[in-house]
Amino acid sequence: MVPVTMPPTTEARDVFRELGYTVSDDGPEFVAERKWRRVHVTPLRAADATDPEPYLADGGDAAKLRCFVTWREAAEDLREHLTTLKPPFDWAVIGVTEDGDFSVMRGVPGSP
């Protein structure tokens, strides 16, 4: 059973490492880098997946690439919610399982 009260932080780091990114090792949110890409990664609990606004307004410069990682059963709802919000950056959602499977859902083409 998926621990919905915990964000999939370890799973998110594992996914990005598997995809060939270098991952920073500090805090629940992290930066993944590969070649010219720098992705700000935010793991979300299933309960947070439909309300990511606090994670969008961090007060600093907006990241150009953002990825939100949540448990697979919440991923589609998060994608739909972000599509409605139309955040001012390129984004993707990754749905993960405890056993390491993941699926990537991209933002709307042409957004922001």
PDB file of N, CA and C in Angstrom:
ATOM      1  N   MET A   1       0.824  -1.179   0.000  1.00  0.00           N
ATOM      2  CA  MET A   1       0.000   0.000   0.000  1.00  0.00           C
ATOM      3  C   MET A   1       0.874   1.251   0.000  1.00  0.00           C
ATOM      4  N   VAL A   2       0.520   2.240  -0.815  1.00  0.00           N
ATOM      5  CA  VAL A   2       1.290   3.462  -0.955  1.00  0.00           C
ATOM      6  C   VAL A   2       1.113   4.342   0.284  1.00  0.00           C
ATOM      7  N   PRO A   3       2.219   4.858   0.815  1.00  0.00           N
ATOM      8  CA  PRO A   3       2.123   5.731   1.979  1.00  0.00           C
ATOM      9  C   PRO A   3       1.710   7.145   1.568  1.00  0.00           C
ATOM     10  N   VAL A   4       0.414   7.354   1.352  1.00  0.00           N
ATOM     11  CA  VAL A   4      -0.081   8.620   0.807  1.00  0.00           C
ATOM     12  C   VAL A   4       0.209   9.813   1.696  1.00  0.00           C
ATOM     13  N   THR A   5       0.570   9.582   2.947  1.00  0.00           N
ATOM     14  CA  THR A   5       0.879  10.698   3.826  1.00  0.00           C
ATOM     15  C   THR A   5       2.303  11.205   3.636  1.00  0.00           C
ATOM     16  N   MET A   6       3.105  10.480   2.883  1.00  0.00           N
ATOM     17  CA  MET A   6       4.490  10.873   2.631  1.00  0.00           C
ATOM     18  C   MET A   6       4.676  11.191   1.152  1.00  0.00           C
ATOM     19  N   PRO A   7       5.371  12.277   0.832  1.00  0.00           N
ATOM     20  CA  PRO A   7       5.657  12.526  -0.584  1.00  0.00           C
ATOM     21  C   PRO A   7       6.690  11.508  -1.087  1.00  0.00           C
ATOM     22  N   PRO A   8       6.650  11.185  -2.356  1.00  0.00           N
ATOM     23  CA  PRO A   8       7.575  10.183  -2.904  1.00  0.00           C
ATOM     24  C   PRO A   8       8.955  10.774  -3.216  1.00  0.00           C
ATOM     25  N   THR A   9       9.609  11.310  -2.196  1.00  0.00           N
ATOM     26  CA  THR A   9      10.893  11.984  -2.393  1.00  0.00           C
ATOM     27  C   THR A   9      11.984  11.023  -2.866  1.00  0.00           C
ATOM     28  N   THR A  10      12.122   9.895  -2.191  1.00  0.00           N
ATOM     29  CA  THR A  10      13.143   8.914  -2.584  1.00  0.00           C
ATOM     30  C   THR A  10      12.874   8.395  -3.985  1.00  0.00           C
ATOM     31  N   GLU A  11      11.614   8.100  -4.266  1.00  0.00           N
ATOM     32  CA  GLU A  11      11.237   7.595  -5.592  1.00  0.00           C
ATOM     33  C   GLU A  11      11.525   8.641  -6.667  1.00  0.00           C
ATOM     34  N   ALA A  12      11.277   9.912  -6.359  1.00  0.00           N
ATOM     35  CA  ALA A  12      11.545  10.984  -7.325  1.00  0.00           C
ATOM     36  C   ALA A  12      13.035  11.066  -7.636  1.00  0.00           C
ATOM     37  N   ARG A  13      13.853  11.004  -6.609  1.00  0.00           N
ATOM     38  CA  ARG A  13      15.310  11.034  -6.829  1.00  0.00           C
ATOM     39  C   ARG A  13      15.753   9.836  -7.666  1.00  0.00           C
ATOM     40  N   ASP A  14      15.206   8.665  -7.369  1.00  0.00           N
ATOM     41  CA  ASP A  14      15.554   7.455  -8.116  1.00  0.00           C
ATOM     42  C   ASP A  14      15.180   7.577  -9.589  1.00  0.00           C
ATOM     43  N   VAL A  15      14.006   8.146  -9.868  1.00  0.00           N
ATOM     44  CA  VAL A  15      13.559   8.317 -11.258  1.00  0.00           C
ATOM     45  C   VAL A  15      14.533   9.210 -12.014  1.00  0.00           C
ATOM     46  N   PHE A  16      14.886  10.346 -11.444  1.00  0.00           N
ATOM     47  CA  PHE A  16      15.784  11.265 -12.144  1.00  0.00           C
ATOM     48  C   PHE A  16      17.182  10.678 -12.307  1.00  0.00           C
ATOM     49  N   ARG A  17      17.660   9.949 -11.327  1.00  0.00           N
ATOM     50  CA  ARG A  17      18.961   9.285 -11.481  1.00  0.00           C
ATOM     51  C   ARG A  17      18.895   8.248 -12.598  1.00  0.00           C
ATOM     52  N   GLU A  18      17.790   7.496 -12.647  1.00  0.00           N
ATOM     53  CA  GLU A  18      17.605   6.497 -13.710  1.00  0.00           C
ATOM     54  C   GLU A  18      17.586   7.156 -15.088  1.00  0.00           C
ATOM     55  N   LEU A  19      17.077   8.372 -15.172  1.00  0.00           N
ATOM     56  CA  LEU A  19      17.014   9.104 -16.436  1.00  0.00           C
ATOM     57  C   LEU A  19      18.327   9.811 -16.772  1.00  0.00           C
ATOM     58  N   GLY A  20      19.351   9.639 -15.926  1.00  0.00           N
ATOM     59  CA  GLY A  20      20.673  10.182 -16.212  1.00  0.00           C
ATOM     60  C   GLY A  20      20.938  11.577 -15.680  1.00  0.00           C
ATOM     61  N   TYR A  21      20.120  12.043 -14.766  1.00  0.00           N
ATOM     62  CA  TYR A  21      20.305  13.368 -14.180  1.00  0.00           C
ATOM     63  C   TYR A  21      21.195  13.280 -12.944  1.00  0.00           C
ATOM     64  N   THR A  22      21.909  14.351 -12.674  1.00  0.00           N
ATOM     65  CA  THR A  22      22.610  14.520 -11.411  1.00  0.00           C
ATOM     66  C   THR A  22      21.616  15.176 -10.472  1.00  0.00           C
ATOM     67  N   VAL A  23      21.487  14.623  -9.272  1.00  0.00           N
ATOM     68  CA  VAL A  23      20.468  15.063  -8.329  1.00  0.00           C
ATOM     69  C   VAL A  23      21.126  15.662  -7.098  1.00  0.00           C
ATOM     70  N   SER A  24      20.671  16.857  -6.710  1.00  0.00           N
ATOM     71  CA  SER A  24      21.156  17.443  -5.457  1.00  0.00           C
ATOM     72  C   SER A  24      20.598  16.633  -4.296  1.00  0.00           C
ATOM     73  N   ASP A  25      21.330  16.592  -3.209  1.00  0.00           N
ATOM     74  CA  ASP A  25      20.928  15.739  -2.089  1.00  0.00           C
ATOM     75  C   ASP A  25      20.458  16.511  -0.874  1.00  0.00           C
ATOM     76  N   ASP A  26      19.832  17.652  -1.077  1.00  0.00           N
ATOM     77  CA  ASP A  26      19.409  18.414   0.093  1.00  0.00           C
ATOM     78  C   ASP A  26      17.911  18.731   0.042  1.00  0.00           C
ATOM     79  N   GLY A  27      17.236  18.479   1.148  1.00  0.00           N
ATOM     80  CA  GLY A  27      15.831  18.824   1.293  1.00  0.00           C
ATOM     81  C   GLY A  27      14.877  17.955   0.499  1.00  0.00           C
ATOM     82  N   PRO A  28      13.578  18.134   0.761  1.00  0.00           N
ATOM     83  CA  PRO A  28      12.576  17.339   0.064  1.00  0.00           C
ATOM     84  C   PRO A  28      12.441  17.731  -1.409  1.00  0.00           C
ATOM     85  N   GLU A  29      12.585  19.034  -1.716  1.00  0.00           N
ATOM     86  CA  GLU A  29      12.620  19.454  -3.111  1.00  0.00           C
ATOM     87  C   GLU A  29      14.072  19.433  -3.538  1.00  0.00           C
ATOM     88  N   PHE A  30      14.295  19.248  -4.836  1.00  0.00           N
ATOM     89  CA  PHE A  30      15.670  19.180  -5.295  1.00  0.00           C
ATOM     90  C   PHE A  30      15.778  19.631  -6.734  1.00  0.00           C
ATOM     91  N   VAL A  31      17.014  19.796  -7.169  1.00  0.00           N
ATOM     92  CA  VAL A  31      17.304  20.171  -8.545  1.00  0.00           C
ATOM     93  C   VAL A  31      17.957  18.983  -9.219  1.00  0.00           C
ATOM     94  N   ALA A  32      17.482  18.678 -10.423  1.00  0.00           N
ATOM     95  CA  ALA A  32      18.062  17.611 -11.228  1.00  0.00           C
ATOM     96  C   ALA A  32      18.669  18.270 -12.473  1.00  0.00           C
ATOM     97  N   GLU A  33      19.917  17.901 -12.784  1.00  0.00           N
ATOM     98  CA  GLU A  33      20.607  18.531 -13.908  1.00  0.00           C
ATOM     99  C   GLU A  33      21.172  17.489 -14.861  1.00  0.00           C
ATOM    100  N   ARG A  34      21.059  17.820 -16.150  1.00  0.00           N
ATOM    101  CA  ARG A  34      21.618  16.962 -17.191  1.00  0.00           C
ATOM    102  C   ARG A  34      21.832  17.817 -18.423  1.00  0.00           C
ATOM    103  N   LYS A  35      23.070  17.831 -18.906  1.00  0.00           N
ATOM    104  CA  LYS A  35      23.456  18.681 -20.027  1.00  0.00           C
ATOM    105  C   LYS A  35      23.024  20.109 -19.728  1.00  0.00           C
ATOM    106  N   TRP A  36      22.209  20.689 -20.565  1.00  0.00           N
ATOM    107  CA  TRP A  36      21.767  22.077 -20.393  1.00  0.00           C
ATOM    108  C   TRP A  36      20.522  22.196 -19.533  1.00  0.00           C
ATOM    109  N   ARG A  37      19.914  21.076 -19.185  1.00  0.00           N
ATOM    110  CA  ARG A  37      18.647  21.105 -18.437  1.00  0.00           C
ATOM    111  C   ARG A  37      18.851  21.193 -16.947  1.00  0.00           C
ATOM    112  N   ARG A  38      18.078  22.058 -16.340  1.00  0.00           N
ATOM    113  CA  ARG A  38      18.035  22.201 -14.880  1.00  0.00           C
ATOM    114  C   ARG A  38      16.564  22.170 -14.500  1.00  0.00           C
ATOM    115  N   VAL A  39      16.167  21.123 -13.786  1.00  0.00           N
ATOM    116  CA  VAL A  39      14.760  20.900 -13.450  1.00  0.00           C
ATOM    117  C   VAL A  39      14.565  21.025 -11.943  1.00  0.00           C
ATOM    118  N   HIS A  40      13.628  21.870 -11.548  1.00  0.00           N
ATOM    119  CA  HIS A  40      13.257  21.986 -10.142  1.00  0.00           C
ATOM    120  C   HIS A  40      12.197  20.918  -9.885  1.00  0.00           C
ATOM    121  N   VAL A  41      12.477  19.981  -8.979  1.00  0.00           N
ATOM    122  CA  VAL A  41      11.605  18.834  -8.738  1.00  0.00           C
ATOM    123  C   VAL A  41      10.925  18.982  -7.376  1.00  0.00           C
ATOM    124  N   THR A  42       9.598  18.820  -7.388  1.00  0.00           N
ATOM    125  CA  THR A  42       8.803  18.919  -6.166  1.00  0.00           C
ATOM    126  C   THR A  42       8.000  17.639  -5.971  1.00  0.00           C
ATOM    127  N   PRO A  43       8.386  16.785  -5.029  1.00  0.00           N
ATOM    128  CA  PRO A  43       7.565  15.619  -4.694  1.00  0.00           C
ATOM    129  C   PRO A  43       6.342  16.073  -3.883  1.00  0.00           C
ATOM    130  N   LEU A  44       5.183  15.517  -4.207  1.00  0.00           N
ATOM    131  CA  LEU A  44       3.935  15.881  -3.524  1.00  0.00           C
ATOM    132  C   LEU A  44       3.231  14.642  -3.002  1.00  0.00           C
ATOM    133  N   ARG A  45       2.693  14.752  -1.797  1.00  0.00           N
ATOM    134  CA  ARG A  45       1.823  13.693  -1.285  1.00  0.00           C
ATOM    135  C   ARG A  45       0.581  13.652  -2.160  1.00  0.00           C
ATOM    136  N   ALA A  46      -0.118  12.556  -2.171  1.00  0.00           N
ATOM    137  CA  ALA A  46      -1.359  12.455  -2.940  1.00  0.00           C
ATOM    138  C   ALA A  46      -2.338  13.526  -2.495  1.00  0.00           C
ATOM    139  N   ALA A  47      -2.377  13.829  -1.185  1.00  0.00           N
ATOM    140  CA  ALA A  47      -3.296  14.833  -0.659  1.00  0.00           C
ATOM    141  C   ALA A  47      -2.960  16.236  -1.161  1.00  0.00           C
ATOM    142  N   ASP A  48      -1.691  16.505  -1.497  1.00  0.00           N
ATOM    143  CA  ASP A  48      -1.274  17.818  -1.988  1.00  0.00           C
ATOM    144  C   ASP A  48      -1.387  17.938  -3.499  1.00  0.00           C
ATOM    145  N   ALA A  49      -1.626  16.830  -4.156  1.00  0.00           N
ATOM    146  CA  ALA A  49      -1.524  16.797  -5.614  1.00  0.00           C
ATOM    147  C   ALA A  49      -2.552  17.657  -6.328  1.00  0.00           C
ATOM    148  N   THR A  50      -3.666  17.968  -5.688  1.00  0.00           N
ATOM    149  CA  THR A  50      -4.638  18.826  -6.363  1.00  0.00           C
ATOM    150  C   THR A  50      -4.580  20.265  -5.865  1.00  0.00           C
ATOM    151  N   ASP A  51      -3.586  20.593  -5.059  1.00  0.00           N
ATOM    152  CA  ASP A  51      -3.451  21.949  -4.551  1.00  0.00           C
ATOM    153  C   ASP A  51      -1.983  22.356  -4.491  1.00  0.00           C
ATOM    154  N   PRO A  52      -1.302  22.416  -5.635  1.00  0.00           N
ATOM    155  CA  PRO A  52       0.133  22.707  -5.600  1.00  0.00           C
ATOM    156  C   PRO A  52       0.480  24.191  -5.548  1.00  0.00           C
ATOM    157  N   GLU A  53      -0.504  25.089  -5.402  1.00  0.00           N
ATOM    158  CA  GLU A  53      -0.210  26.516  -5.431  1.00  0.00           C
ATOM    159  C   GLU A  53       0.930  26.928  -4.507  1.00  0.00           C
ATOM    160  N   PRO A  54       1.010  26.421  -3.254  1.00  0.00           N
ATOM    161  CA  PRO A  54       2.134  26.826  -2.413  1.00  0.00           C
ATOM    162  C   PRO A  54       3.482  26.445  -3.015  1.00  0.00           C
ATOM    163  N   TYR A  55       3.487  25.422  -3.837  1.00  0.00           N
ATOM    164  CA  TYR A  55       4.729  24.970  -4.439  1.00  0.00           C
ATOM    165  C   TYR A  55       5.060  25.745  -5.713  1.00  0.00           C
ATOM    166  N   LEU A  56       4.118  26.541  -6.188  1.00  0.00           N
ATOM    167  CA  LEU A  56       4.345  27.321  -7.400  1.00  0.00           C
ATOM    168  C   LEU A  56       4.930  28.686  -7.080  1.00  0.00           C
ATOM    169  N   ALA A  57       4.588  29.260  -5.951  1.00  0.00           N
ATOM    170  CA  ALA A  57       5.009  30.606  -5.593  1.00  0.00           C
ATOM    171  C   ALA A  57       6.052  30.544  -4.488  1.00  0.00           C
ATOM    172  N   ASP A  58       7.296  30.314  -4.857  1.00  0.00           N
ATOM    173  CA  ASP A  58       8.333  30.188  -3.837  1.00  0.00           C
ATOM    174  C   ASP A  58       9.029  31.514  -3.547  1.00  0.00           C
ATOM    175  N   GLY A  59       8.608  32.587  -4.212  1.00  0.00           N
ATOM    176  CA  GLY A  59       9.156  33.904  -3.937  1.00  0.00           C
ATOM    177  C   GLY A  59      10.430  34.231  -4.698  1.00  0.00           C
ATOM    178  N   GLY A  60      11.090  33.264  -5.260  1.00  0.00           N
ATOM    179  CA  GLY A  60      12.306  33.507  -6.013  1.00  0.00           C
ATOM    180  C   GLY A  60      12.024  33.590  -7.492  1.00  0.00           C
ATOM    181  N   ASP A  61      13.082  33.533  -8.265  1.00  0.00           N
ATOM    182  CA  ASP A  61      12.905  33.513  -9.711  1.00  0.00           C
ATOM    183  C   ASP A  61      12.221  32.221 -10.098  1.00  0.00           C
ATOM    184  N   ALA A  62      11.264  32.333 -10.997  1.00  0.00           N
ATOM    185  CA  ALA A  62      10.547  31.141 -11.441  1.00  0.00           C
ATOM    186  C   ALA A  62      11.490  30.222 -12.218  1.00  0.00           C
ATOM    187  N   ALA A  63      11.448  28.956 -11.876  1.00  0.00           N
ATOM    188  CA  ALA A  63      12.247  27.971 -12.603  1.00  0.00           C
ATOM    189  C   ALA A  63      11.682  27.830 -14.007  1.00  0.00           C
ATOM    190  N   LYS A  64      12.534  27.582 -14.967  1.00  0.00           N
ATOM    191  CA  LYS A  64      12.077  27.418 -16.345  1.00  0.00           C
ATOM    192  C   LYS A  64      11.458  26.042 -16.562  1.00  0.00           C
ATOM    193  N   LEU A  65      11.999  25.044 -15.886  1.00  0.00           N
ATOM    194  CA  LEU A  65      11.486  23.680 -15.989  1.00  0.00           C
ATOM    195  C   LEU A  65      11.137  23.188 -14.591  1.00  0.00           C
ATOM    196  N   ARG A  66       9.903  22.709 -14.430  1.00  0.00           N
ATOM    197  CA  ARG A  66       9.456  22.182 -13.143  1.00  0.00           C
ATOM    198  C   ARG A  66       8.901  20.785 -13.367  1.00  0.00           C
ATOM    199  N   CYS A  67       9.089  19.942 -12.384  1.00  0.00           N
ATOM    200  CA  CYS A  67       8.508  18.611 -12.424  1.00  0.00           C
ATOM    201  C   CYS A  67       7.900  18.331 -11.058  1.00  0.00           C
ATOM    202  N   PHE A  68       6.662  17.893 -11.071  1.00  0.00           N
ATOM    203  CA  PHE A  68       5.960  17.524  -9.856  1.00  0.00           C
ATOM    204  C   PHE A  68       5.837  16.011  -9.855  1.00  0.00           C
ATOM    205  N   VAL A  69       6.296  15.389  -8.779  1.00  0.00           N
ATOM    206  CA  VAL A  69       6.280  13.932  -8.676  1.00  0.00           C
ATOM    207  C   VAL A  69       5.301  13.559  -7.565  1.00  0.00           C
ATOM    208  N   THR A  70       4.353  12.690  -7.893  1.00  0.00           N
ATOM    209  CA  THR A  70       3.377  12.245  -6.913  1.00  0.00           C
ATOM    210  C   THR A  70       3.116  10.762  -7.127  1.00  0.00           C
ATOM    211  N   TRP A  71       2.336  10.187  -6.235  1.00  0.00           N
ATOM    212  CA  TRP A  71       1.970   8.786  -6.380  1.00  0.00           C
ATOM    213  C   TRP A  71       1.105   8.624  -7.615  1.00  0.00           C
ATOM    214  N   ARG A  72       1.258   7.540  -8.308  1.00  0.00           N
ATOM    215  CA  ARG A  72       0.619   7.331  -9.601  1.00  0.00           C
ATOM    216  C   ARG A  72      -0.890   7.584  -9.583  1.00  0.00           C
ATOM    217  N   GLU A  73      -1.580   7.161  -8.531  1.00  0.00           N
ATOM    218  CA  GLU A  73      -3.036   7.314  -8.527  1.00  0.00           C
ATOM    219  C   GLU A  73      -3.477   8.777  -8.439  1.00  0.00           C
ATOM    220  N   ALA A  74      -2.585   9.681  -8.070  1.00  0.00           N
ATOM    221  CA  ALA A  74      -2.921  11.106  -7.987  1.00  0.00           C
ATOM    222  C   ALA A  74      -2.380  11.903  -9.167  1.00  0.00           C
ATOM    223  N   ALA A  75      -1.582  11.289 -10.023  1.00  0.00           N
ATOM    224  CA  ALA A  75      -0.869  12.011 -11.077  1.00  0.00           C
ATOM    225  C   ALA A  75      -1.796  12.653 -12.108  1.00  0.00           C
ATOM    226  N   GLU A  76      -2.802  11.948 -12.565  1.00  0.00           N
ATOM    227  CA  GLU A  76      -3.689  12.512 -13.584  1.00  0.00           C
ATOM    228  C   GLU A  76      -4.463  13.710 -13.042  1.00  0.00           C
ATOM    229  N   ASP A  77      -4.925  13.628 -11.798  1.00  0.00           N
ATOM    230  CA  ASP A  77      -5.617  14.769 -11.192  1.00  0.00           C
ATOM    231  C   ASP A  77      -4.688  15.974 -11.099  1.00  0.00           C
ATOM    232  N   LEU A  78      -3.430  15.745 -10.740  1.00  0.00           N
ATOM    233  CA  LEU A  78      -2.466  16.838 -10.659  1.00  0.00           C
ATOM    234  C   LEU A  78      -2.236  17.451 -12.029  1.00  0.00           C
ATOM    235  N   ARG A  79      -2.087  16.622 -13.046  1.00  0.00           N
ATOM    236  CA  ARG A  79      -1.878  17.133 -14.398  1.00  0.00           C
ATOM    237  C   ARG A  79      -3.054  18.005 -14.827  1.00  0.00           C
ATOM    238  N   GLU A  80      -4.249  17.531 -14.595  1.00  0.00           N
ATOM    239  CA  GLU A  80      -5.434  18.310 -14.965  1.00  0.00           C
ATOM    240  C   GLU A  80      -5.478  19.635 -14.207  1.00  0.00           C
ATOM    241  N   HIS A  81      -5.125  19.601 -12.930  1.00  0.00           N
ATOM    242  CA  HIS A  81      -5.136  20.811 -12.125  1.00  0.00           C
ATOM    243  C   HIS A  81      -4.108  21.821 -12.637  1.00  0.00           C
ATOM    244  N   LEU A  82      -2.904  21.366 -12.942  1.00  0.00           N
ATOM    245  CA  LEU A  82      -1.879  22.260 -13.464  1.00  0.00           C
ATOM    246  C   LEU A  82      -2.271  22.827 -14.827  1.00  0.00           C
ATOM    247  N   THR A  83      -2.930  22.025 -15.631  1.00  0.00           N
ATOM    248  CA  THR A  83      -3.406  22.503 -16.932  1.00  0.00           C
ATOM    249  C   THR A  83      -4.379  23.663 -16.729  1.00  0.00           C
ATOM    250  N   THR A  84      -5.232  23.557 -15.724  1.00  0.00           N
ATOM    251  CA  THR A  84      -6.183  24.623 -15.411  1.00  0.00           C
ATOM    252  C   THR A  84      -5.478  25.863 -14.874  1.00  0.00           C
ATOM    253  N   LEU A  85      -4.460  25.674 -14.021  1.00  0.00           N
ATOM    254  CA  LEU A  85      -3.735  26.802 -13.433  1.00  0.00           C
ATOM    255  C   LEU A  85      -2.901  27.580 -14.444  1.00  0.00           C
ATOM    256  N   LYS A  86      -2.429  26.892 -15.481  1.00  0.00           N
ATOM    257  CA  LYS A  86      -1.565  27.499 -16.495  1.00  0.00           C
ATOM    258  C   LYS A  86      -0.359  28.213 -15.873  1.00  0.00           C
ATOM    259  N   PRO A  87       0.491  27.472 -15.159  1.00  0.00           N
ATOM    260  CA  PRO A  87       1.655  28.116 -14.536  1.00  0.00           C
ATOM    261  C   PRO A  87       2.597  28.693 -15.598  1.00  0.00           C
ATOM    262  N   PRO A  88       3.382  29.710 -15.231  1.00  0.00           N
ATOM    263  CA  PRO A  88       4.232  30.420 -16.188  1.00  0.00           C
ATOM    264  C   PRO A  88       5.582  29.748 -16.446  1.00  0.00           C
ATOM    265  N   PHE A  89       5.589  28.430 -16.534  1.00  0.00           N
ATOM    266  CA  PHE A  89       6.827  27.697 -16.799  1.00  0.00           C
ATOM    267  C   PHE A  89       6.470  26.373 -17.451  1.00  0.00           C
ATOM    268  N   ASP A  90       7.462  25.754 -18.083  1.00  0.00           N
ATOM    269  CA  ASP A  90       7.261  24.407 -18.630  1.00  0.00           C
ATOM    270  C   ASP A  90       7.244  23.434 -17.464  1.00  0.00           C
ATOM    271  N   TRP A  91       6.360  22.438 -17.541  1.00  0.00           N
ATOM    272  CA  TRP A  91       6.214  21.508 -16.431  1.00  0.00           C
ATOM    273  C   TRP A  91       5.851  20.119 -16.931  1.00  0.00           C
ATOM    274  N   ALA A  92       6.054  19.171 -16.022  1.00  0.00           N
ATOM    275  CA  ALA A  92       5.645  17.781 -16.254  1.00  0.00           C
ATOM    276  C   ALA A  92       5.242  17.207 -14.908  1.00  0.00           C
ATOM    277  N   VAL A  93       4.472  16.132 -14.974  1.00  0.00           N
ATOM    278  CA  VAL A  93       4.077  15.388 -13.780  1.00  0.00           C
ATOM    279  C   VAL A  93       4.588  13.968 -13.959  1.00  0.00           C
ATOM    280  N   ILE A  94       5.180  13.432 -12.917  1.00  0.00           N
ATOM    281  CA  ILE A  94       5.595  12.030 -12.932  1.00  0.00           C
ATOM    282  C   ILE A  94       4.795  11.309 -11.860  1.00  0.00           C
ATOM    283  N   GLY A  95       4.129  10.246 -12.259  1.00  0.00           N
ATOM    284  CA  GLY A  95       3.423   9.379 -11.324  1.00  0.00           C
ATOM    285  C   GLY A  95       4.293   8.181 -11.017  1.00  0.00           C
ATOM    286  N   VAL A  96       4.542   7.915  -9.727  1.00  0.00           N
ATOM    287  CA  VAL A  96       5.435   6.823  -9.334  1.00  0.00           C
ATOM    288  C   VAL A  96       4.694   5.790  -8.493  1.00  0.00           C
ATOM    289  N   THR A  97       5.285   4.599  -8.466  1.00  0.00           N
ATOM    290  CA  THR A  97       4.813   3.545  -7.571  1.00  0.00           C
ATOM    291  C   THR A  97       5.952   3.194  -6.620  1.00  0.00           C
ATOM    292  N   GLU A  98       5.621   2.503  -5.556  1.00  0.00           N
ATOM    293  CA  GLU A  98       6.649   2.109  -4.585  1.00  0.00           C
ATOM    294  C   GLU A  98       7.701   1.183  -5.187  1.00  0.00           C
ATOM    295  N   ASP A  99       7.315   0.408  -6.206  1.00  0.00           N
ATOM    296  CA  ASP A  99       8.262  -0.554  -6.767  1.00  0.00           C
ATOM    297  C   ASP A  99       9.136   0.024  -7.880  1.00  0.00           C
ATOM    298  N   GLY A 100       9.072   1.344  -8.088  1.00  0.00           N
ATOM    299  CA  GLY A 100       9.981   1.978  -9.033  1.00  0.00           C
ATOM    300  C   GLY A 100       9.411   2.256 -10.406  1.00  0.00           C
ATOM    301  N   ASP A 101       8.203   1.796 -10.689  1.00  0.00           N
ATOM    302  CA  ASP A 101       7.589   2.129 -11.980  1.00  0.00           C
ATOM    303  C   ASP A 101       7.201   3.600 -11.973  1.00  0.00           C
ATOM    304  N   PHE A 102       7.259   4.220 -13.153  1.00  0.00           N
ATOM    305  CA  PHE A 102       6.843   5.609 -13.250  1.00  0.00           C
ATOM    306  C   PHE A 102       6.321   5.902 -14.644  1.00  0.00           C
ATOM    307  N   SER A 103       5.500   6.934 -14.718  1.00  0.00           N
ATOM    308  CA  SER A 103       5.016   7.416 -16.017  1.00  0.00           C
ATOM    309  C   SER A 103       5.111   8.934 -16.013  1.00  0.00           C
ATOM    310  N   VAL A 104       5.484   9.482 -17.160  1.00  0.00           N
ATOM    311  CA  VAL A 104       5.669  10.916 -17.300  1.00  0.00           C
ATOM    312  C   VAL A 104       4.507  11.488 -18.082  1.00  0.00           C
ATOM    313  N   MET A 105       3.918  12.557 -17.547  1.00  0.00           N
ATOM    314  CA  MET A 105       2.838  13.264 -18.209  1.00  0.00           C
ATOM    315  C   MET A 105       3.309  14.706 -18.417  1.00  0.00           C
ATOM    316  N   ARG A 106       3.408  15.107 -19.645  1.00  0.00           N
ATOM    317  CA  ARG A 106       3.886  16.447 -19.941  1.00  0.00           C
ATOM    318  C   ARG A 106       2.767  17.465 -19.823  1.00  0.00           C
ATOM    319  N   GLY A 107       3.178  18.731 -19.711  1.00  0.00           N
ATOM    320  CA  GLY A 107       2.220  19.818 -19.697  1.00  0.00           C
ATOM    321  C   GLY A 107       1.589  19.998 -21.067  1.00  0.00           C
ATOM    322  N   VAL A 108       0.724  20.947 -21.169  1.00  0.00           N
ATOM    323  CA  VAL A 108       0.041  21.236 -22.424  1.00  0.00           C
ATOM    324  C   VAL A 108       1.058  21.768 -23.428  1.00  0.00           C
ATOM    325  N   PRO A 109       1.070  21.234 -24.665  1.00  0.00           N
ATOM    326  CA  PRO A 109       2.002  21.743 -25.668  1.00  0.00           C
ATOM    327  C   PRO A 109       1.817  23.239 -25.857  1.00  0.00           C
ATOM    328  N   GLY A 110       2.931  23.946 -25.939  1.00  0.00           N
ATOM    329  CA  GLY A 110       2.886  25.388 -26.137  1.00  0.00           C
ATOM    330  C   GLY A 110       2.745  26.183 -24.852  1.00  0.00           C
ATOM    331  N   SER A 111       2.645  25.516 -23.702  1.00  0.00           N
ATOM    332  CA  SER A 111       2.581  26.269 -22.448  1.00  0.00           C
ATOM    333  C   SER A 111       4.012  26.504 -21.981  1.00  0.00           C
ATOM    334  N   PRO A 112       4.292  27.508 -21.303  1.00  0.00           N
ATOM    335  CA  PRO A 112       3.385  28.519 -20.777  1.00  0.00           C
ATOM    336  C   PRO A 112       2.880  29.430 -21.854  1.00  0.00           C
TER     337      PRO A 112
END
